Amino acid sequence: MTLQSLSQLMLQAQQLLTQIDQHPQYQALQIDCDVTLSDVRQFFNTLQSECQIKGDRTH
């Protein structure tokens, strides 16, 4: 099994979040929760920044 780099996985996750956010079924939901897609995006942005600072050693 080949492992993808962390940066590749973060990119895929962010693309998936965008697709979910734009999906009509998701937009039709009336969700009231403490964590939003924007919060999750911010998490991935922070994680990506940390990887760039410390170096992505998974390549």
C-alpha atoms as a PDB file:
ATOM      1  CA  MET A   1       0.000   0.000   0.000  1.00  0.00           C
ATOM      2  CA  THR A   2       1.400   3.386  -1.023  1.00  0.00           C
ATOM      3  CA  LEU A   3       0.902   6.199   1.448  1.00  0.00           C
ATOM      4  CA  GLN A   4      -0.037   9.605   0.125  1.00  0.00           C
ATOM      5  CA  SER A   5       1.793  12.577   1.529  1.00  0.00           C
ATOM      6  CA  LEU A   6       0.052  14.584   4.198  1.00  0.00           C
ATOM      7  CA  SER A   7      -0.108  17.607   1.889  1.00  0.00           C
ATOM      8  CA  GLN A   8      -1.862  15.499  -0.786  1.00  0.00           C
ATOM      9  CA  LEU A   9      -4.401  14.255   1.756  1.00  0.00           C
ATOM     10  CA  MET A  10      -5.051  17.802   3.007  1.00  0.00           C
ATOM     11  CA  LEU A  11      -5.623  19.002  -0.561  1.00  0.00           C
ATOM     12  CA  GLN A  12      -8.079  16.162  -1.206  1.00  0.00           C
ATOM     13  CA  ALA A  13      -9.895  16.918   2.048  1.00  0.00           C
ATOM     14  CA  GLN A  14     -10.213  20.606   1.198  1.00  0.00           C
ATOM     15  CA  GLN A  15     -11.519  19.771  -2.276  1.00  0.00           C
ATOM     16  CA  LEU A  16     -14.063  17.420  -0.731  1.00  0.00           C
ATOM     17  CA  LEU A  17     -15.175  20.108   1.720  1.00  0.00           C
ATOM     18  CA  THR A  18     -15.757  22.486  -1.192  1.00  0.00           C
ATOM     19  CA  GLN A  19     -17.831  19.866  -3.014  1.00  0.00           C
ATOM     20  CA  ILE A  20     -19.875  19.165   0.119  1.00  0.00           C
ATOM     21  CA  ASP A  21     -20.441  22.876   0.747  1.00  0.00           C
ATOM     22  CA  GLN A  22     -21.692  23.375  -2.825  1.00  0.00           C
ATOM     23  CA  HIS A  23     -23.909  20.286  -2.903  1.00  0.00           C
ATOM     24  CA  PRO A  24     -27.655  21.085  -3.017  1.00  0.00           C
ATOM     25  CA  GLN A  25     -28.536  18.387  -0.481  1.00  0.00           C
ATOM     26  CA  TYR A  26     -26.053  19.818   2.014  1.00  0.00           C
ATOM     27  CA  GLN A  27     -27.278  23.360   1.379  1.00  0.00           C
ATOM     28  CA  ALA A  28     -30.856  22.241   2.018  1.00  0.00           C
ATOM     29  CA  LEU A  29     -30.007  20.826   5.438  1.00  0.00           C
ATOM     30  CA  GLN A  30     -30.831  22.845   8.518  1.00  0.00           C
ATOM     31  CA  ILE A  31     -27.813  21.935  10.597  1.00  0.00           C
ATOM     32  CA  ASP A  32     -27.106  23.712  13.859  1.00  0.00           C
ATOM     33  CA  CYS A  33     -23.795  22.522  15.202  1.00  0.00           C
ATOM     34  CA  ASP A  34     -20.744  23.902  16.976  1.00  0.00           C
ATOM     35  CA  VAL A  35     -18.321  23.004  14.174  1.00  0.00           C
ATOM     36  CA  THR A  36     -18.862  24.364  10.679  1.00  0.00           C
ATOM     37  CA  LEU A  37     -17.205  23.566   7.359  1.00  0.00           C
ATOM     38  CA  SER A  38     -15.362  26.863   7.730  1.00  0.00           C
ATOM     39  CA  ASP A  39     -13.935  25.620  11.038  1.00  0.00           C
ATOM     40  CA  VAL A  40     -12.774  22.431   9.354  1.00  0.00           C
ATOM     41  CA  ARG A  41     -11.224  24.411   6.490  1.00  0.00           C
ATOM     42  CA  GLN A  42      -9.390  26.560   9.021  1.00  0.00           C
ATOM     43  CA  PHE A  43      -8.080  23.413  10.698  1.00  0.00           C
ATOM     44  CA  PHE A  44      -6.655  22.167   7.390  1.00  0.00           C
ATOM     45  CA  ASN A  45      -5.168  25.592   6.632  1.00  0.00           C
ATOM     46  CA  THR A  46      -3.443  25.588  10.021  1.00  0.00           C
ATOM     47  CA  LEU A  47      -2.260  22.017   9.544  1.00  0.00           C
ATOM     48  CA  GLN A  48      -0.891  22.875   6.112  1.00  0.00           C
ATOM     49  CA  SER A  49       0.950  25.895   7.515  1.00  0.00           C
ATOM     50  CA  GLU A  50       2.490  23.768  10.253  1.00  0.00           C
ATOM     51  CA  CYS A  51       3.632  21.213   7.691  1.00  0.00           C
ATOM     52  CA  GLN A  52       5.252  23.947   5.613  1.00  0.00           C
ATOM     53  CA  ILE A  53       6.987  25.391   8.672  1.00  0.00           C
ATOM     54  CA  LYS A  54       8.273  22.031   9.887  1.00  0.00           C
ATOM     55  CA  GLY A  55       8.649  20.523   6.434  1.00  0.00           C
ATOM     56  CA  ASP A  56       6.491  17.811   4.940  1.00  0.00           C
ATOM     57  CA  ARG A  57       8.713  14.792   5.489  1.00  0.00           C
ATOM     58  CA  THR A  58       6.213  12.338   4.042  1.00  0.00           C
ATOM     59  CA  HIS A  59       7.375  12.668   0.399  1.00  0.00           C
END
